[in-house]
Full PDB file with SEQRES, HELIX, SHEET, SSBOND, CRYST1, ORIGX, SCALE, CONECT and MASTER records, all heavy atoms in Angstrom:
SEQRES   1 A   37  TYR GLN LEU GLU ALA ARG SER PRO THR ALA PHE ALA VAL          
SEQRES   2 A   37  GLY SER GLN PHE MET LEU GLN PRO GLY ASP VAL VAL PHE          
SEQRES   3 A   37  ILE GLY ALA ALA GLY VAL THR ARG TRP ASN ARG                  
HELIX    1 AA1 THR A    9  GLY A   14  1                                   6    
HELIX    2 AA2 GLY A   31  ASN A   36  1                                   6    
CRYST1    1.000    1.000    1.000  90.00  90.00  90.00 P 1           1          
ORIGX1      1.000000  0.000000  0.000000        0.00000                         
ORIGX2      0.000000  1.000000  0.000000        0.00000                         
ORIGX3      0.000000  0.000000  1.000000        0.00000                         
SCALE1      1.000000  0.000000  0.000000        0.00000                         
SCALE2      0.000000  1.000000  0.000000        0.00000                         
SCALE3      0.000000  0.000000  1.000000        0.00000                         
ATOM      1  N   TYR A   1       9.583 -15.127  -9.281  1.00  0.00           N  
ATOM      2  CA  TYR A   1       9.311 -15.333  -7.864  1.00  0.00           C  
ATOM      3  C   TYR A   1       8.606 -14.237  -7.204  1.00  0.00           C  
ATOM      4  O   TYR A   1       9.062 -13.094  -7.351  1.00  0.00           O  
ATOM      5  CB  TYR A   1      10.693 -15.630  -7.267  1.00  0.00           C  
ATOM      6  CG  TYR A   1      11.343 -16.866  -7.762  1.00  0.00           C  
ATOM      7  CD1 TYR A   1      12.294 -16.644  -8.837  1.00  0.00           C  
ATOM      8  CD2 TYR A   1      11.130 -18.198  -7.414  1.00  0.00           C  
ATOM      9  CE1 TYR A   1      12.980 -17.785  -9.469  1.00  0.00           C  
ATOM     10  CE2 TYR A   1      11.750 -19.228  -8.042  1.00  0.00           C  
ATOM     11  CZ  TYR A   1      12.659 -19.044  -9.027  1.00  0.00           C  
ATOM     12  OH  TYR A   1      13.292 -20.126  -9.634  1.00  0.00           O  
ATOM     13  N   GLN A   2       7.610 -14.493  -6.428  1.00  0.00           N  
ATOM     14  CA  GLN A   2       6.910 -13.382  -5.759  1.00  0.00           C  
ATOM     15  C   GLN A   2       7.084 -13.532  -4.213  1.00  0.00           C  
ATOM     16  O   GLN A   2       6.855 -14.630  -3.573  1.00  0.00           O  
ATOM     17  CB  GLN A   2       5.338 -13.396  -6.038  1.00  0.00           C  
ATOM     18  CG  GLN A   2       4.593 -12.394  -5.367  1.00  0.00           C  
ATOM     19  CD  GLN A   2       3.157 -12.570  -5.606  1.00  0.00           C  
ATOM     20  OE1 GLN A   2       2.634 -13.591  -5.867  1.00  0.00           O  
ATOM     21  NE2 GLN A   2       2.362 -11.495  -5.277  1.00  0.00           N  
ATOM     22  N   LEU A   3       7.337 -12.427  -3.618  1.00  0.00           N  
ATOM     23  CA  LEU A   3       7.568 -12.318  -2.154  1.00  0.00           C  
ATOM     24  C   LEU A   3       6.442 -11.408  -1.601  1.00  0.00           C  
ATOM     25  O   LEU A   3       6.224 -10.344  -2.013  1.00  0.00           O  
ATOM     26  CB  LEU A   3       8.827 -11.755  -1.702  1.00  0.00           C  
ATOM     27  CG  LEU A   3       9.022 -11.569  -0.198  1.00  0.00           C  
ATOM     28  CD1 LEU A   3       9.072 -12.886   0.613  1.00  0.00           C  
ATOM     29  CD2 LEU A   3      10.263 -10.770   0.098  1.00  0.00           C  
ATOM     30  N   GLU A   4       5.515 -11.965  -0.793  1.00  0.00           N  
ATOM     31  CA  GLU A   4       4.423 -11.163  -0.108  1.00  0.00           C  
ATOM     32  C   GLU A   4       5.030 -10.517   1.044  1.00  0.00           C  
ATOM     33  O   GLU A   4       5.019 -10.901   2.139  1.00  0.00           O  
ATOM     34  CB  GLU A   4       3.289 -12.061   0.253  1.00  0.00           C  
ATOM     35  CG  GLU A   4       2.595 -12.736  -1.036  1.00  0.00           C  
ATOM     36  CD  GLU A   4       1.451 -13.581  -0.669  1.00  0.00           C  
ATOM     37  OE1 GLU A   4       1.175 -13.871   0.586  1.00  0.00           O  
ATOM     38  OE2 GLU A   4       0.884 -14.171  -1.519  1.00  0.00           O  
ATOM     39  N   ALA A   5       5.537  -9.335   0.844  1.00  0.00           N  
ATOM     40  CA  ALA A   5       6.328  -8.556   1.857  1.00  0.00           C  
ATOM     41  C   ALA A   5       5.533  -7.744   2.765  1.00  0.00           C  
ATOM     42  O   ALA A   5       6.135  -6.940   3.554  1.00  0.00           O  
ATOM     43  CB  ALA A   5       7.322  -7.702   1.108  1.00  0.00           C  
ATOM     44  N   ARG A   6       4.247  -7.785   2.701  1.00  0.00           N  
ATOM     45  CA  ARG A   6       3.388  -6.999   3.668  1.00  0.00           C  
ATOM     46  C   ARG A   6       3.572  -7.528   5.129  1.00  0.00           C  
ATOM     47  O   ARG A   6       3.489  -6.817   6.084  1.00  0.00           O  
ATOM     48  CB  ARG A   6       1.923  -7.038   3.297  1.00  0.00           C  
ATOM     49  CG  ARG A   6       1.552  -6.099   2.123  1.00  0.00           C  
ATOM     50  CD  ARG A   6       0.037  -6.224   1.780  1.00  0.00           C  
ATOM     51  NE  ARG A   6      -0.197  -5.297   0.691  1.00  0.00           N  
ATOM     52  CZ  ARG A   6      -1.412  -5.173   0.124  1.00  0.00           C  
ATOM     53  NH1 ARG A   6      -2.428  -5.929   0.596  1.00  0.00           N  
ATOM     54  NH2 ARG A   6      -1.586  -4.410  -0.814  1.00  0.00           N  
ATOM     55  N   SER A   7       3.704  -8.833   5.184  1.00  0.00           N  
ATOM     56  CA  SER A   7       4.001  -9.394   6.558  1.00  0.00           C  
ATOM     57  C   SER A   7       5.380  -9.301   6.911  1.00  0.00           C  
ATOM     58  O   SER A   7       6.306  -9.512   6.197  1.00  0.00           O  
ATOM     59  CB  SER A   7       3.532 -10.830   6.446  1.00  0.00           C  
ATOM     60  OG  SER A   7       3.924 -11.526   7.654  1.00  0.00           O  
ATOM     61  N   PRO A   8       5.646  -8.880   8.158  1.00  0.00           N  
ATOM     62  CA  PRO A   8       7.141  -8.750   8.655  1.00  0.00           C  
ATOM     63  C   PRO A   8       7.800 -10.163   8.577  1.00  0.00           C  
ATOM     64  O   PRO A   8       9.097 -10.113   8.314  1.00  0.00           O  
ATOM     65  CB  PRO A   8       6.985  -8.327  10.096  1.00  0.00           C  
ATOM     66  CG  PRO A   8       5.619  -7.680  10.196  1.00  0.00           C  
ATOM     67  CD  PRO A   8       4.742  -8.443   9.239  1.00  0.00           C  
ATOM     68  N   THR A   9       7.121 -11.241   8.695  1.00  0.00           N  
ATOM     69  CA  THR A   9       7.695 -12.547   8.655  1.00  0.00           C  
ATOM     70  C   THR A   9       8.310 -12.791   7.165  1.00  0.00           C  
ATOM     71  O   THR A   9       9.140 -13.637   7.061  1.00  0.00           O  
ATOM     72  CB  THR A   9       6.806 -13.696   8.995  1.00  0.00           C  
ATOM     73  OG1 THR A   9       5.683 -13.516   8.149  1.00  0.00           O  
ATOM     74  CG2 THR A   9       6.351 -13.386  10.413  1.00  0.00           C  
ATOM     75  N   ALA A  10       7.786 -12.105   6.196  1.00  0.00           N  
ATOM     76  CA  ALA A  10       8.235 -12.265   4.868  1.00  0.00           C  
ATOM     77  C   ALA A  10       9.675 -11.882   4.629  1.00  0.00           C  
ATOM     78  O   ALA A  10      10.371 -12.505   3.757  1.00  0.00           O  
ATOM     79  CB  ALA A  10       7.386 -11.486   3.895  1.00  0.00           C  
ATOM     80  N   PHE A  11      10.065 -10.936   5.432  1.00  0.00           N  
ATOM     81  CA  PHE A  11      11.514 -10.438   5.286  1.00  0.00           C  
ATOM     82  C   PHE A  11      12.499 -11.561   5.835  1.00  0.00           C  
ATOM     83  O   PHE A  11      13.622 -11.494   5.435  1.00  0.00           O  
ATOM     84  CB  PHE A  11      11.648  -9.127   5.964  1.00  0.00           C  
ATOM     85  CG  PHE A  11      11.099  -8.076   5.164  1.00  0.00           C  
ATOM     86  CD1 PHE A  11       9.832  -7.468   5.553  1.00  0.00           C  
ATOM     87  CD2 PHE A  11      11.683  -7.443   4.065  1.00  0.00           C  
ATOM     88  CE1 PHE A  11       9.187  -6.484   4.833  1.00  0.00           C  
ATOM     89  CE2 PHE A  11      11.084  -6.406   3.402  1.00  0.00           C  
ATOM     90  CZ  PHE A  11       9.893  -5.856   3.804  1.00  0.00           C  
ATOM     91  N   ALA A  12      12.014 -12.353   6.738  1.00  0.00           N  
ATOM     92  CA  ALA A  12      12.908 -13.438   7.140  1.00  0.00           C  
ATOM     93  C   ALA A  12      13.077 -14.475   5.981  1.00  0.00           C  
ATOM     94  O   ALA A  12      14.182 -15.010   5.828  1.00  0.00           O  
ATOM     95  CB  ALA A  12      12.181 -14.150   8.381  1.00  0.00           C  
ATOM     96  N   VAL A  13      12.058 -14.585   5.217  1.00  0.00           N  
ATOM     97  CA  VAL A  13      12.079 -15.493   4.034  1.00  0.00           C  
ATOM     98  C   VAL A  13      13.013 -14.869   3.028  1.00  0.00           C  
ATOM     99  O   VAL A  13      13.942 -15.368   2.312  1.00  0.00           O  
ATOM    100  CB  VAL A  13      10.674 -15.798   3.543  1.00  0.00           C  
ATOM    101  CG1 VAL A  13      10.836 -16.670   2.210  1.00  0.00           C  
ATOM    102  CG2 VAL A  13       9.923 -16.518   4.503  1.00  0.00           C  
ATOM    103  N   GLY A  14      12.819 -13.485   2.912  1.00  0.00           N  
ATOM    104  CA  GLY A  14      13.631 -12.745   1.891  1.00  0.00           C  
ATOM    105  C   GLY A  14      15.126 -12.878   2.222  1.00  0.00           C  
ATOM    106  O   GLY A  14      15.982 -12.751   1.265  1.00  0.00           O  
ATOM    107  N   SER A  15      15.447 -12.917   3.446  1.00  0.00           N  
ATOM    108  CA  SER A  15      16.869 -12.981   3.756  1.00  0.00           C  
ATOM    109  C   SER A  15      17.627 -14.287   3.417  1.00  0.00           C  
ATOM    110  O   SER A  15      18.768 -14.304   3.377  1.00  0.00           O  
ATOM    111  CB  SER A  15      17.045 -12.652   5.242  1.00  0.00           C  
ATOM    112  OG  SER A  15      16.524 -13.732   6.004  1.00  0.00           O  
ATOM    113  N   GLN A  16      16.731 -15.267   3.128  1.00  0.00           N  
ATOM    114  CA  GLN A  16      17.370 -16.573   2.768  1.00  0.00           C  
ATOM    115  C   GLN A  16      17.105 -16.929   1.304  1.00  0.00           C  
ATOM    116  O   GLN A  16      17.777 -17.918   0.755  1.00  0.00           O  
ATOM    117  CB  GLN A  16      16.503 -17.664   3.553  1.00  0.00           C  
ATOM    118  CG  GLN A  16      16.646 -17.596   5.044  1.00  0.00           C  
ATOM    119  CD  GLN A  16      17.962 -17.666   5.552  1.00  0.00           C  
ATOM    120  OE1 GLN A  16      18.790 -18.465   5.037  1.00  0.00           O  
ATOM    121  NE2 GLN A  16      18.406 -16.915   6.459  1.00  0.00           N  
ATOM    122  N   PHE A  17      16.443 -16.015   0.558  1.00  0.00           N  
ATOM    123  CA  PHE A  17      16.258 -16.180  -0.943  1.00  0.00           C  
ATOM    124  C   PHE A  17      17.420 -15.551  -1.666  1.00  0.00           C  
ATOM    125  O   PHE A  17      17.705 -14.342  -1.531  1.00  0.00           O  
ATOM    126  CB  PHE A  17      15.035 -15.613  -1.387  1.00  0.00           C  
ATOM    127  CG  PHE A  17      14.669 -15.956  -2.826  1.00  0.00           C  
ATOM    128  CD1 PHE A  17      14.162 -17.165  -3.299  1.00  0.00           C  
ATOM    129  CD2 PHE A  17      14.955 -14.938  -3.839  1.00  0.00           C  
ATOM    130  CE1 PHE A  17      13.981 -17.355  -4.597  1.00  0.00           C  
ATOM    131  CE2 PHE A  17      14.768 -15.169  -5.151  1.00  0.00           C  
ATOM    132  CZ  PHE A  17      14.234 -16.396  -5.591  1.00  0.00           C  
ATOM    133  N   MET A  18      18.296 -16.361  -2.242  1.00  0.00           N  
ATOM    134  CA  MET A  18      19.462 -15.824  -2.894  1.00  0.00           C  
ATOM    135  C   MET A  18      19.268 -15.549  -4.230  1.00  0.00           C  
ATOM    136  O   MET A  18      18.657 -16.277  -5.045  1.00  0.00           O  
ATOM    137  CB  MET A  18      20.642 -16.912  -2.724  1.00  0.00           C  
ATOM    138  CG  MET A  18      21.002 -17.170  -1.305  1.00  0.00           C  
ATOM    139  SD  MET A  18      21.537 -15.599  -0.450  1.00  0.00           S  
ATOM    140  CE  MET A  18      21.470 -16.150   1.312  1.00  0.00           C  
ATOM    141  N   LEU A  19      19.843 -14.392  -4.764  1.00  0.00           N  
ATOM    142  CA  LEU A  19      19.623 -13.956  -6.151  1.00  0.00           C  
ATOM    143  C   LEU A  19      20.790 -14.521  -6.986  1.00  0.00           C  
ATOM    144  O   LEU A  19      21.839 -14.880  -6.414  1.00  0.00           O  
ATOM    145  CB  LEU A  19      19.697 -12.374  -6.277  1.00  0.00           C  
ATOM    146  CG  LEU A  19      18.494 -11.734  -5.410  1.00  0.00           C  
ATOM    147  CD1 LEU A  19      18.679 -10.216  -5.582  1.00  0.00           C  
ATOM    148  CD2 LEU A  19      17.221 -12.117  -5.862  1.00  0.00           C  
ATOM    149  N   GLN A  20      20.629 -14.393  -8.212  1.00  0.00           N  
ATOM    150  CA  GLN A  20      21.618 -14.757  -9.222  1.00  0.00           C  
ATOM    151  C   GLN A  20      21.932 -13.710 -10.175  1.00  0.00           C  
ATOM    152  O   GLN A  20      21.137 -12.726 -10.308  1.00  0.00           O  
ATOM    153  CB  GLN A  20      21.033 -16.082 -10.052  1.00  0.00           C  
ATOM    154  CG  GLN A  20      20.864 -17.243  -9.141  1.00  0.00           C  
ATOM    155  CD  GLN A  20      20.329 -18.398  -9.984  1.00  0.00           C  
ATOM    156  OE1 GLN A  20      20.372 -18.320 -11.319  1.00  0.00           O  
ATOM    157  NE2 GLN A  20      19.863 -19.424  -9.481  1.00  0.00           N  
ATOM    158  N   PRO A  21      23.151 -13.698 -10.720  1.00  0.00           N  
ATOM    159  CA  PRO A  21      23.508 -12.638 -11.731  1.00  0.00           C  
ATOM    160  C   PRO A  21      22.520 -12.467 -12.714  1.00  0.00           C  
ATOM    161  O   PRO A  21      22.063 -13.457 -13.366  1.00  0.00           O  
ATOM    162  CB  PRO A  21      24.892 -13.053 -12.286  1.00  0.00           C  
ATOM    163  CG  PRO A  21      25.396 -13.870 -11.100  1.00  0.00           C  
ATOM    164  CD  PRO A  21      24.293 -14.636 -10.482  1.00  0.00           C  
ATOM    165  N   GLY A  22      22.164 -11.207 -13.124  1.00  0.00           N  
ATOM    166  CA  GLY A  22      21.133 -11.057 -14.159  1.00  0.00           C  
ATOM    167  C   GLY A  22      19.723 -10.985 -13.591  1.00  0.00           C  
ATOM    168  O   GLY A  22      18.805 -10.601 -14.359  1.00  0.00           O  
ATOM    169  N   ASP A  23      19.396 -11.308 -12.402  1.00  0.00           N  
ATOM    170  CA  ASP A  23      18.105 -11.229 -11.801  1.00  0.00           C  
ATOM    171  C   ASP A  23      17.542  -9.812 -11.802  1.00  0.00           C  
ATOM    172  O   ASP A  23      18.287  -8.850 -11.606  1.00  0.00           O  
ATOM    173  CB  ASP A  23      18.047 -11.751 -10.397  1.00  0.00           C  
ATOM    174  CG  ASP A  23      17.964 -13.302 -10.362  1.00  0.00           C  
ATOM    175  OD1 ASP A  23      17.940 -13.828 -11.457  1.00  0.00           O  
ATOM    176  OD2 ASP A  23      18.035 -13.862  -9.331  1.00  0.00           O  
ATOM    177  N   VAL A  24      16.252  -9.641 -12.028  1.00  0.00           N  
ATOM    178  CA  VAL A  24      15.600  -8.306 -11.987  1.00  0.00           C  
ATOM    179  C   VAL A  24      14.662  -8.363 -10.741  1.00  0.00           C  
ATOM    180  O   VAL A  24      13.750  -9.151 -10.746  1.00  0.00           O  
ATOM    181  CB  VAL A  24      14.928  -7.952 -13.261  1.00  0.00           C  
ATOM    182  CG1 VAL A  24      14.153  -6.622 -13.103  1.00  0.00           C  
ATOM    183  CG2 VAL A  24      15.794  -7.913 -14.398  1.00  0.00           C  
ATOM    184  N   VAL A  25      14.885  -7.435  -9.817  1.00  0.00           N  
ATOM    185  CA  VAL A  25      13.942  -7.370  -8.646  1.00  0.00           C  
ATOM    186  C   VAL A  25      13.010  -6.163  -9.004  1.00  0.00           C  
ATOM    187  O   VAL A  25      13.464  -5.105  -9.196  1.00  0.00           O  
ATOM    188  CB  VAL A  25      14.735  -7.041  -7.333  1.00  0.00           C  
ATOM    189  CG1 VAL A  25      13.783  -6.860  -6.167  1.00  0.00           C  
ATOM    190  CG2 VAL A  25      15.777  -8.166  -7.183  1.00  0.00           C  
ATOM    191  N   PHE A  26      11.656  -6.532  -9.084  1.00  0.00           N  
ATOM    192  CA  PHE A  26      10.751  -5.500  -9.486  1.00  0.00           C  
ATOM    193  C   PHE A  26       9.765  -5.301  -8.317  1.00  0.00           C  
ATOM    194  O   PHE A  26       9.149  -6.217  -7.759  1.00  0.00           O  
ATOM    195  CB  PHE A  26      10.007  -5.984 -10.754  1.00  0.00           C  
ATOM    196  CG  PHE A  26       8.829  -5.079 -11.190  1.00  0.00           C  
ATOM    197  CD1 PHE A  26       9.115  -3.908 -11.906  1.00  0.00           C  
ATOM    198  CD2 PHE A  26       7.574  -5.392 -10.778  1.00  0.00           C  
ATOM    199  CE1 PHE A  26       8.051  -3.163 -12.281  1.00  0.00           C  
ATOM    200  CE2 PHE A  26       6.587  -4.535 -11.127  1.00  0.00           C  
ATOM    201  CZ  PHE A  26       6.821  -3.413 -11.855  1.00  0.00           C  
ATOM    202  N   ILE A  27       9.538  -4.046  -7.945  1.00  0.00           N  
ATOM    203  CA  ILE A  27       8.623  -3.703  -6.946  1.00  0.00           C  
ATOM    204  C   ILE A  27       7.517  -2.915  -7.530  1.00  0.00           C  
ATOM    205  O   ILE A  27       7.585  -1.865  -8.141  1.00  0.00           O  
ATOM    206  CB  ILE A  27       9.237  -2.756  -5.802  1.00  0.00           C  
ATOM    207  CG1 ILE A  27      10.549  -3.361  -5.298  1.00  0.00           C  
ATOM    208  CG2 ILE A  27       8.263  -2.608  -4.690  1.00  0.00           C  
ATOM    209  CD1 ILE A  27      10.405  -4.740  -4.800  1.00  0.00           C  
ATOM    210  N   GLY A  28       6.299  -3.548  -7.511  1.00  0.00           N  
ATOM    211  CA  GLY A  28       5.109  -2.888  -8.109  1.00  0.00           C  
ATOM    212  C   GLY A  28       4.528  -1.848  -7.299  1.00  0.00           C  
ATOM    213  O   GLY A  28       4.805  -1.609  -6.063  1.00  0.00           O  
ATOM    214  N   ALA A  29       3.621  -1.020  -7.970  1.00  0.00           N  
ATOM    215  CA  ALA A  29       3.059   0.187  -7.353  1.00  0.00           C  
ATOM    216  C   ALA A  29       1.731  -0.298  -6.678  1.00  0.00           C  
ATOM    217  O   ALA A  29       1.044  -1.249  -7.155  1.00  0.00           O  
ATOM    218  CB  ALA A  29       2.862   1.267  -8.314  1.00  0.00           C  
ATOM    219  N   ALA A  30       1.382   0.433  -5.559  1.00  0.00           N  
ATOM    220  CA  ALA A  30       0.080   0.156  -4.991  1.00  0.00           C  
ATOM    221  C   ALA A  30      -1.067   0.659  -5.887  1.00  0.00           C  
ATOM    222  O   ALA A  30      -0.952   1.365  -6.771  1.00  0.00           O  
ATOM    223  CB  ALA A  30       0.009   1.004  -3.709  1.00  0.00           C  
ATOM    224  N   GLY A  31      -2.309   0.047  -5.636  1.00  0.00           N  
ATOM    225  CA  GLY A  31      -3.482   0.369  -6.405  1.00  0.00           C  
ATOM    226  C   GLY A  31      -3.770   1.899  -6.462  1.00  0.00           C  
ATOM    227  O   GLY A  31      -4.086   2.469  -7.501  1.00  0.00           O  
ATOM    228  N   VAL A  32      -3.620   2.551  -5.354  1.00  0.00           N  
ATOM    229  CA  VAL A  32      -4.002   3.947  -5.287  1.00  0.00           C  
ATOM    230  C   VAL A  32      -2.976   4.676  -6.130  1.00  0.00           C  
ATOM    231  O   VAL A  32      -3.205   5.652  -6.864  1.00  0.00           O  
ATOM    232  CB  VAL A  32      -3.945   4.496  -3.815  1.00  0.00           C  
ATOM    233  CG1 VAL A  32      -4.129   5.994  -3.821  1.00  0.00           C  
ATOM    234  CG2 VAL A  32      -5.102   3.865  -3.042  1.00  0.00           C  
ATOM    235  N   THR A  33      -1.718   4.291  -6.074  1.00  0.00           N  
ATOM    236  CA  THR A  33      -0.654   4.896  -6.891  1.00  0.00           C  
ATOM    237  C   THR A  33      -0.952   4.845  -8.369  1.00  0.00           C  
ATOM    238  O   THR A  33      -0.761   5.711  -9.194  1.00  0.00           O  
ATOM    239  CB  THR A  33       0.688   4.399  -6.476  1.00  0.00           C  
ATOM    240  OG1 THR A  33       0.931   4.525  -5.228  1.00  0.00           O  
ATOM    241  CG2 THR A  33       1.785   5.098  -7.280  1.00  0.00           C  
ATOM    242  N   ARG A  34      -1.332   3.645  -8.853  1.00  0.00           N  
ATOM    243  CA  ARG A  34      -1.618   3.410 -10.216  1.00  0.00           C  
ATOM    244  C   ARG A  34      -2.840   4.336 -10.539  1.00  0.00           C  
ATOM    245  O   ARG A  34      -2.803   4.830 -11.686  1.00  0.00           O  
ATOM    246  CB  ARG A  34      -1.991   1.905 -10.391  1.00  0.00           C  
ATOM    247  CG  ARG A  34      -0.769   1.027 -10.206  1.00  0.00           C  
ATOM    248  CD  ARG A  34      -0.955  -0.355 -10.834  1.00  0.00           C  
ATOM    249  NE  ARG A  34      -2.247  -0.951 -10.419  1.00  0.00           N  
ATOM    250  CZ  ARG A  34      -2.389  -1.751  -9.342  1.00  0.00           C  
ATOM    251  NH1 ARG A  34      -1.383  -1.879  -8.513  1.00  0.00           N  
ATOM    252  NH2 ARG A  34      -3.427  -2.310  -9.040  1.00  0.00           N  
ATOM    253  N   TRP A  35      -3.801   4.380  -9.745  1.00  0.00           N  
ATOM    254  CA  TRP A  35      -4.971   5.196 -10.004  1.00  0.00           C  
ATOM    255  C   TRP A  35      -4.577   6.714 -10.125  1.00  0.00           C  
ATOM    256  O   TRP A  35      -4.949   7.458 -11.052  1.00  0.00           O  
ATOM    257  CB  TRP A  35      -6.041   5.065  -9.019  1.00  0.00           C  
ATOM    258  CG  TRP A  35      -7.122   6.063  -9.072  1.00  0.00           C  
ATOM    259  CD1 TRP A  35      -7.394   6.992  -8.114  1.00  0.00           C  
ATOM    260  CD2 TRP A  35      -8.036   6.282 -10.161  1.00  0.00           C  
ATOM    261  NE1 TRP A  35      -8.468   7.730  -8.435  1.00  0.00           N  
ATOM    262  CE2 TRP A  35      -8.893   7.312  -9.658  1.00  0.00           C  
ATOM    263  CE3 TRP A  35      -8.150   5.769 -11.307  1.00  0.00           C  
ATOM    264  CZ2 TRP A  35      -9.899   7.916 -10.497  1.00  0.00           C  
ATOM    265  CZ3 TRP A  35      -9.214   6.213 -12.091  1.00  0.00           C  
ATOM    266  CH2 TRP A  35     -10.016   7.328 -11.745  1.00  0.00           C  
ATOM    267  N   ASN A  36      -3.800   7.243  -9.298  1.00  0.00           N  
ATOM    268  CA  ASN A  36      -3.273   8.608  -9.257  1.00  0.00           C  
ATOM    269  C   ASN A  36      -2.524   8.859 -10.473  1.00  0.00           C  
ATOM    270  O   ASN A  36      -2.689   9.920 -11.073  1.00  0.00           O  
ATOM    271  CB  ASN A  36      -2.418   8.918  -8.083  1.00  0.00           C  
ATOM    272  CG  ASN A  36      -3.299   8.956  -6.757  1.00  0.00           C  
ATOM    273  OD1 ASN A  36      -4.486   9.118  -6.800  1.00  0.00           O  
ATOM    274  ND2 ASN A  36      -2.638   8.825  -5.656  1.00  0.00           N  
ATOM    275  N   ARG A  37      -1.726   7.932 -10.844  1.00  0.00           N  
ATOM    276  CA  ARG A  37      -0.910   8.145 -12.186  1.00  0.00           C  
ATOM    277  C   ARG A  37      -1.880   8.250 -13.387  1.00  0.00           C  
ATOM    278  O   ARG A  37      -1.693   9.058 -14.253  1.00  0.00           O  
ATOM    279  CB  ARG A  37       0.097   7.018 -12.355  1.00  0.00           C  
ATOM    280  CG  ARG A  37       1.244   7.061 -11.335  1.00  0.00           C  
ATOM    281  CD  ARG A  37       2.185   5.954 -11.447  1.00  0.00           C  
ATOM    282  NE  ARG A  37       3.316   6.035 -10.466  1.00  0.00           N  
ATOM    283  CZ  ARG A  37       4.214   5.118 -10.281  1.00  0.00           C  
ATOM    284  NH1 ARG A  37       4.044   3.972 -10.953  1.00  0.00           N  
ATOM    285  NH2 ARG A  37       5.130   5.253  -9.461  1.00  0.00           N  
TER     286      ARG A  37                                                      
MASTER        0    0    0    2    0    0    0    6  285    1    0    3          
END                                                                             
């Protein structure tokens, strides 16, 4: 499941999306960060 969190309104959606045991929440790196690495 992908959440487009750049928009402030996305966090209103995130507050209603319920997780389940065993879920993995993954936050990817920005493009510049990947390039720097």
